[in-house]
């Protein structure tokens, strides 16, 4: 069972609702993204959703469009977002969801590359 499933199973068993917080990854930079995720975890949120910025977020609304633009301007890429998740994992086991417009198989392939790189260190 993954972290997300485990969290919602526990919430259901406790008769509670979950609180998911959305962060536009890389807005204003990835270090702040890491800091925000850890701060929200300390405050007791249930799941962090990281929005991976992309160049055409028209259907996501103005706030998310601007966050994606700032994320891209700060140099955020899907690979760097996964590296940020790895950095968060060093301090927290908070469940993390990635909101991405790329195909799942591309993300899985990229995740495999990042994890292999992490194992070599």
N, C-alpha and C. Protein backbone atom coordinates (compact mmCIF):
# COMPACT_ATOMS: atom_id res chain seq x y z
N UNK A 1 0.85 -1.18 0.00
CA UNK A 1 0.00 0.00 0.00
C UNK A 1 0.90 1.24 0.00
N UNK A 2 0.61 2.19 -0.88
CA UNK A 2 1.43 3.39 -0.93
C UNK A 2 1.00 4.39 0.15
N UNK A 3 1.76 5.47 0.29
CA UNK A 3 1.50 6.45 1.34
C UNK A 3 0.12 7.09 1.23
N UNK A 4 -0.30 7.35 0.01
CA UNK A 4 -1.60 8.01 -0.20
C UNK A 4 -2.73 7.08 0.22
N UNK A 5 -2.67 5.84 -0.24
CA UNK A 5 -3.70 4.86 0.14
C UNK A 5 -3.73 4.67 1.65
N UNK A 6 -2.55 4.56 2.25
CA UNK A 6 -2.47 4.36 3.71
C UNK A 6 -3.07 5.55 4.46
N UNK A 7 -2.79 6.77 3.98
CA UNK A 7 -3.32 7.96 4.66
C UNK A 7 -4.84 7.99 4.60
N UNK A 8 -5.41 7.72 3.41
CA UNK A 8 -6.87 7.76 3.29
C UNK A 8 -7.53 6.59 4.01
N UNK A 9 -6.88 5.46 4.07
CA UNK A 9 -7.41 4.33 4.84
C UNK A 9 -7.47 4.70 6.32
N UNK A 10 -6.42 5.34 6.83
CA UNK A 10 -6.40 5.75 8.23
C UNK A 10 -7.45 6.82 8.50
N UNK A 11 -7.58 7.79 7.60
CA UNK A 11 -8.61 8.82 7.76
C UNK A 11 -10.00 8.20 7.82
N UNK A 12 -10.26 7.25 6.93
CA UNK A 12 -11.57 6.59 6.91
C UNK A 12 -11.80 5.83 8.21
N UNK A 13 -10.78 5.11 8.67
CA UNK A 13 -10.91 4.35 9.92
C UNK A 13 -11.18 5.28 11.10
N UNK A 14 -10.60 6.50 11.05
CA UNK A 14 -10.79 7.47 12.13
C UNK A 14 -12.06 8.31 11.94
N UNK A 15 -12.76 8.10 10.83
CA UNK A 15 -13.97 8.88 10.55
C UNK A 15 -13.68 10.34 10.26
N UNK A 16 -12.51 10.62 9.68
CA UNK A 16 -12.10 12.00 9.40
C UNK A 16 -12.05 12.28 7.91
N UNK A 17 -12.05 13.54 7.58
CA UNK A 17 -11.85 14.01 6.22
C UNK A 17 -10.37 14.33 6.03
N UNK A 18 -9.91 14.27 4.79
CA UNK A 18 -8.51 14.60 4.50
C UNK A 18 -8.37 16.04 4.02
N UNK A 19 -7.18 16.58 4.22
CA UNK A 19 -6.86 17.92 3.75
C UNK A 19 -5.67 17.82 2.81
N UNK A 20 -5.90 18.17 1.55
CA UNK A 20 -4.85 18.12 0.53
C UNK A 20 -4.48 19.56 0.19
N UNK A 21 -3.19 19.87 0.22
CA UNK A 21 -2.72 21.21 -0.11
C UNK A 21 -2.00 21.15 -1.46
N UNK A 22 -2.25 22.17 -2.29
CA UNK A 22 -1.64 22.27 -3.61
C UNK A 22 -0.52 23.30 -3.59
N UNK A 23 0.63 22.92 -4.14
CA UNK A 23 1.76 23.84 -4.27
C UNK A 23 2.19 23.82 -5.74
N UNK A 24 2.28 24.98 -6.34
CA UNK A 24 2.84 25.08 -7.69
C UNK A 24 4.35 24.91 -7.59
N UNK A 25 4.85 23.76 -8.00
CA UNK A 25 6.29 23.46 -7.84
C UNK A 25 7.14 24.50 -8.56
N UNK A 26 8.15 24.97 -7.87
CA UNK A 26 9.08 25.92 -8.45
C UNK A 26 8.66 27.37 -8.33
N UNK A 27 7.54 27.63 -7.68
CA UNK A 27 7.04 29.00 -7.51
C UNK A 27 7.20 29.39 -6.05
N UNK A 28 8.16 30.20 -5.69
CA UNK A 28 9.07 30.95 -6.55
C UNK A 28 10.33 30.17 -6.96
N UNK A 29 10.64 29.10 -6.22
CA UNK A 29 11.78 28.24 -6.58
C UNK A 29 11.59 26.89 -5.89
N UNK A 30 12.41 25.92 -6.24
CA UNK A 30 12.21 24.57 -5.70
C UNK A 30 12.62 24.44 -4.24
N UNK A 31 13.53 25.25 -3.77
CA UNK A 31 13.88 25.22 -2.34
C UNK A 31 12.66 25.66 -1.52
N UNK A 32 11.97 26.70 -1.97
CA UNK A 32 10.75 27.14 -1.26
C UNK A 32 9.66 26.08 -1.36
N UNK A 33 9.59 25.38 -2.48
CA UNK A 33 8.63 24.29 -2.62
C UNK A 33 8.90 23.24 -1.55
N UNK A 34 10.17 22.86 -1.38
CA UNK A 34 10.55 21.88 -0.36
C UNK A 34 10.18 22.40 1.03
N UNK A 35 10.53 23.63 1.31
CA UNK A 35 10.24 24.23 2.62
C UNK A 35 8.73 24.27 2.89
N UNK A 36 7.95 24.65 1.90
CA UNK A 36 6.49 24.70 2.06
C UNK A 36 5.92 23.32 2.34
N UNK A 37 6.36 22.32 1.58
CA UNK A 37 5.84 20.97 1.79
C UNK A 37 6.14 20.49 3.21
N UNK A 38 7.35 20.75 3.68
CA UNK A 38 7.71 20.33 5.04
C UNK A 38 6.92 21.12 6.09
N UNK A 39 6.70 22.40 5.86
CA UNK A 39 5.93 23.21 6.81
C UNK A 39 4.48 22.74 6.87
N UNK A 40 3.89 22.46 5.70
CA UNK A 40 2.52 21.95 5.69
C UNK A 40 2.44 20.60 6.40
N UNK A 41 3.44 19.76 6.21
CA UNK A 41 3.46 18.46 6.90
C UNK A 41 3.50 18.66 8.41
N UNK A 42 4.33 19.57 8.87
CA UNK A 42 4.40 19.85 10.32
C UNK A 42 3.06 20.35 10.86
N UNK A 43 2.29 21.05 10.02
CA UNK A 43 0.99 21.57 10.42
C UNK A 43 -0.12 20.53 10.36
N UNK A 44 0.20 19.34 9.82
CA UNK A 44 -0.76 18.25 9.87
C UNK A 44 -1.60 18.02 8.62
N UNK A 45 -1.20 18.59 7.49
CA UNK A 45 -1.96 18.29 6.27
C UNK A 45 -1.84 16.80 5.97
N UNK A 46 -2.74 16.29 5.16
CA UNK A 46 -2.75 14.86 4.88
C UNK A 46 -2.00 14.48 3.61
N UNK A 47 -2.07 15.32 2.58
CA UNK A 47 -1.41 15.04 1.31
C UNK A 47 -0.93 16.35 0.70
N UNK A 48 0.26 16.32 0.09
CA UNK A 48 0.78 17.46 -0.66
C UNK A 48 0.62 17.13 -2.14
N UNK A 49 0.01 18.04 -2.89
CA UNK A 49 -0.07 17.91 -4.34
C UNK A 49 0.87 18.94 -4.94
N UNK A 50 1.85 18.46 -5.70
CA UNK A 50 2.80 19.35 -6.36
C UNK A 50 2.41 19.48 -7.83
N UNK A 51 2.13 20.70 -8.25
CA UNK A 51 1.82 20.95 -9.64
C UNK A 51 3.11 21.14 -10.42
N UNK A 52 3.38 20.25 -11.36
CA UNK A 52 4.58 20.35 -12.19
C UNK A 52 4.28 21.37 -13.29
N UNK A 53 5.04 22.47 -13.36
CA UNK A 53 4.72 23.51 -14.33
C UNK A 53 4.93 23.04 -15.77
N UNK A 54 4.06 23.54 -16.64
CA UNK A 54 4.19 23.26 -18.07
C UNK A 54 3.79 24.52 -18.83
N UNK A 55 4.05 24.54 -20.10
CA UNK A 55 3.97 25.79 -20.86
C UNK A 55 2.57 26.23 -21.27
N UNK A 56 1.56 25.38 -21.16
CA UNK A 56 0.24 25.75 -21.66
C UNK A 56 -0.87 25.36 -20.68
N UNK A 57 -0.89 25.93 -19.48
CA UNK A 57 -1.88 25.54 -18.46
C UNK A 57 -3.20 26.30 -18.55
N UNK A 58 -3.70 26.55 -19.74
CA UNK A 58 -4.87 27.40 -19.91
C UNK A 58 -6.10 26.93 -19.16
N UNK A 59 -6.32 25.64 -19.07
CA UNK A 59 -7.52 25.12 -18.42
C UNK A 59 -7.42 25.12 -16.89
N UNK A 60 -6.28 25.50 -16.37
CA UNK A 60 -6.06 25.42 -14.92
C UNK A 60 -6.43 26.68 -14.16
N UNK A 61 -6.86 27.72 -14.82
CA UNK A 61 -7.22 28.95 -14.14
C UNK A 61 -6.03 29.87 -13.96
N UNK A 62 -6.32 31.14 -13.73
CA UNK A 62 -5.29 32.18 -13.68
C UNK A 62 -4.24 31.94 -12.60
N UNK A 63 -4.65 31.59 -11.40
CA UNK A 63 -3.69 31.41 -10.31
C UNK A 63 -2.68 30.31 -10.65
N UNK A 64 -3.18 29.18 -11.14
CA UNK A 64 -2.27 28.09 -11.50
C UNK A 64 -1.46 28.42 -12.75
N UNK A 65 -2.04 29.16 -13.68
CA UNK A 65 -1.29 29.59 -14.87
C UNK A 65 -0.08 30.43 -14.46
N UNK A 66 -0.31 31.39 -13.58
CA UNK A 66 0.77 32.27 -13.14
C UNK A 66 1.82 31.50 -12.33
N UNK A 67 1.36 30.57 -11.49
CA UNK A 67 2.31 29.75 -10.73
C UNK A 67 3.16 28.90 -11.66
N UNK A 68 2.53 28.33 -12.69
CA UNK A 68 3.28 27.53 -13.67
C UNK A 68 4.29 28.40 -14.41
N UNK A 69 3.88 29.60 -14.78
CA UNK A 69 4.79 30.52 -15.47
C UNK A 69 6.00 30.84 -14.60
N UNK A 70 5.74 31.16 -13.33
CA UNK A 70 6.85 31.49 -12.42
C UNK A 70 7.73 30.26 -12.19
N UNK A 71 7.10 29.08 -12.11
CA UNK A 71 7.87 27.85 -11.94
C UNK A 71 8.79 27.60 -13.12
N UNK A 72 8.28 27.77 -14.32
CA UNK A 72 9.11 27.60 -15.51
C UNK A 72 10.23 28.64 -15.55
N UNK A 73 9.90 29.87 -15.19
CA UNK A 73 10.91 30.94 -15.18
C UNK A 73 12.02 30.67 -14.17
N UNK A 74 11.70 29.94 -13.10
CA UNK A 74 12.72 29.61 -12.09
C UNK A 74 13.55 28.40 -12.51
N UNK A 75 13.25 27.83 -13.69
CA UNK A 75 14.04 26.70 -14.18
C UNK A 75 13.52 25.34 -13.77
N UNK A 76 12.30 25.28 -13.28
CA UNK A 76 11.72 24.02 -12.82
C UNK A 76 11.43 23.10 -14.00
N UNK A 77 11.82 21.84 -13.85
CA UNK A 77 11.55 20.80 -14.84
C UNK A 77 10.97 19.60 -14.10
N UNK A 78 10.32 18.67 -14.82
CA UNK A 78 9.83 17.46 -14.14
C UNK A 78 10.93 16.72 -13.38
N UNK A 79 12.10 16.64 -13.96
CA UNK A 79 13.22 15.96 -13.29
C UNK A 79 13.58 16.67 -11.98
N UNK A 80 13.65 17.99 -12.01
CA UNK A 80 13.98 18.75 -10.80
C UNK A 80 12.88 18.62 -9.74
N UNK A 81 11.63 18.52 -10.17
CA UNK A 81 10.54 18.31 -9.21
C UNK A 81 10.72 16.96 -8.51
N UNK A 82 11.06 15.93 -9.27
CA UNK A 82 11.29 14.62 -8.65
C UNK A 82 12.49 14.65 -7.71
N UNK A 83 13.50 15.40 -8.05
CA UNK A 83 14.65 15.56 -7.14
C UNK A 83 14.22 16.29 -5.86
N UNK A 84 13.29 17.24 -6.01
CA UNK A 84 12.76 17.95 -4.83
C UNK A 84 11.95 16.99 -3.96
N UNK A 85 11.18 16.12 -4.58
CA UNK A 85 10.44 15.10 -3.81
C UNK A 85 11.44 14.22 -3.05
N UNK A 86 12.53 13.85 -3.68
CA UNK A 86 13.55 13.04 -2.99
C UNK A 86 14.13 13.81 -1.80
N UNK A 87 14.32 15.12 -1.95
CA UNK A 87 14.82 15.94 -0.84
C UNK A 87 13.79 16.02 0.29
N UNK A 88 12.51 16.13 -0.06
CA UNK A 88 11.45 16.14 0.96
C UNK A 88 11.45 14.81 1.71
N UNK A 89 11.64 13.72 0.98
CA UNK A 89 11.63 12.38 1.58
C UNK A 89 12.72 12.19 2.63
N UNK A 90 13.77 12.96 2.56
CA UNK A 90 14.83 12.86 3.56
C UNK A 90 14.34 13.30 4.94
N UNK A 91 13.27 14.14 4.96
CA UNK A 91 12.77 14.69 6.21
C UNK A 91 11.32 14.35 6.52
N UNK A 92 10.60 13.79 5.56
CA UNK A 92 9.17 13.60 5.75
C UNK A 92 8.67 12.43 4.91
N UNK A 93 7.65 11.78 5.39
CA UNK A 93 6.97 10.72 4.66
C UNK A 93 5.57 11.13 4.25
N UNK A 94 5.32 12.45 4.21
CA UNK A 94 4.01 12.96 3.81
C UNK A 94 3.67 12.43 2.42
N UNK A 95 2.45 11.97 2.20
CA UNK A 95 2.05 11.53 0.86
C UNK A 95 2.13 12.70 -0.13
N UNK A 96 2.68 12.44 -1.31
CA UNK A 96 2.83 13.47 -2.34
C UNK A 96 2.23 12.98 -3.65
N UNK A 97 1.41 13.84 -4.25
CA UNK A 97 0.82 13.59 -5.56
C UNK A 97 1.44 14.60 -6.52
N UNK A 98 1.81 14.14 -7.71
CA UNK A 98 2.29 15.07 -8.73
C UNK A 98 1.19 15.33 -9.74
N UNK A 99 0.88 16.59 -9.96
CA UNK A 99 -0.07 16.97 -10.99
C UNK A 99 0.76 17.34 -12.21
N UNK A 100 0.63 16.53 -13.25
CA UNK A 100 1.46 16.71 -14.42
C UNK A 100 0.65 16.44 -15.67
N UNK A 101 0.92 17.15 -16.72
CA UNK A 101 0.21 16.95 -17.98
C UNK A 101 0.92 15.96 -18.89
N UNK A 102 2.09 15.49 -18.48
CA UNK A 102 2.80 14.51 -19.30
C UNK A 102 2.18 13.14 -19.14
N UNK A 103 2.44 12.27 -20.09
CA UNK A 103 1.92 10.92 -20.01
C UNK A 103 2.57 10.18 -18.86
N UNK A 104 1.80 9.31 -18.20
CA UNK A 104 2.29 8.57 -17.05
C UNK A 104 3.56 7.79 -17.34
N UNK A 105 3.65 7.16 -18.51
CA UNK A 105 4.83 6.35 -18.78
C UNK A 105 6.08 7.22 -18.84
N UNK A 106 5.96 8.48 -19.32
CA UNK A 106 7.12 9.37 -19.34
C UNK A 106 7.56 9.71 -17.93
N UNK A 107 6.61 9.94 -17.03
CA UNK A 107 6.93 10.25 -15.64
C UNK A 107 7.58 9.04 -14.97
N UNK A 108 7.04 7.85 -15.20
CA UNK A 108 7.63 6.65 -14.61
C UNK A 108 9.06 6.46 -15.09
N UNK A 109 9.30 6.68 -16.36
CA UNK A 109 10.65 6.55 -16.93
C UNK A 109 11.58 7.57 -16.27
N UNK A 110 11.14 8.80 -16.16
CA UNK A 110 11.94 9.84 -15.54
C UNK A 110 12.18 9.54 -14.07
N UNK A 111 11.14 9.07 -13.37
CA UNK A 111 11.28 8.73 -11.96
C UNK A 111 12.34 7.64 -11.79
N UNK A 112 12.34 6.65 -12.67
CA UNK A 112 13.34 5.59 -12.60
C UNK A 112 14.75 6.15 -12.75
N UNK A 113 14.95 7.09 -13.65
CA UNK A 113 16.26 7.70 -13.84
C UNK A 113 16.70 8.47 -12.60
N UNK A 114 15.78 9.23 -12.00
CA UNK A 114 16.10 10.01 -10.81
C UNK A 114 16.44 9.08 -9.65
N UNK A 115 15.68 8.01 -9.48
CA UNK A 115 15.93 7.08 -8.38
C UNK A 115 17.28 6.37 -8.57
N UNK A 116 17.62 6.00 -9.81
CA UNK A 116 18.92 5.37 -10.06
C UNK A 116 20.05 6.32 -9.74
N UNK A 117 19.90 7.60 -10.12
CA UNK A 117 20.89 8.62 -9.83
C UNK A 117 21.05 8.77 -8.31
N UNK A 118 19.94 8.76 -7.58
CA UNK A 118 19.96 8.89 -6.12
C UNK A 118 20.68 7.71 -5.49
N UNK A 119 20.47 6.49 -6.01
CA UNK A 119 21.10 5.29 -5.46
C UNK A 119 22.61 5.31 -5.65
N UNK A 120 23.09 5.95 -6.71
CA UNK A 120 24.53 6.01 -6.99
C UNK A 120 25.27 6.91 -6.03
N UNK A 121 24.55 7.89 -5.44
CA UNK A 121 25.19 8.86 -4.53
C UNK A 121 25.58 8.22 -3.22
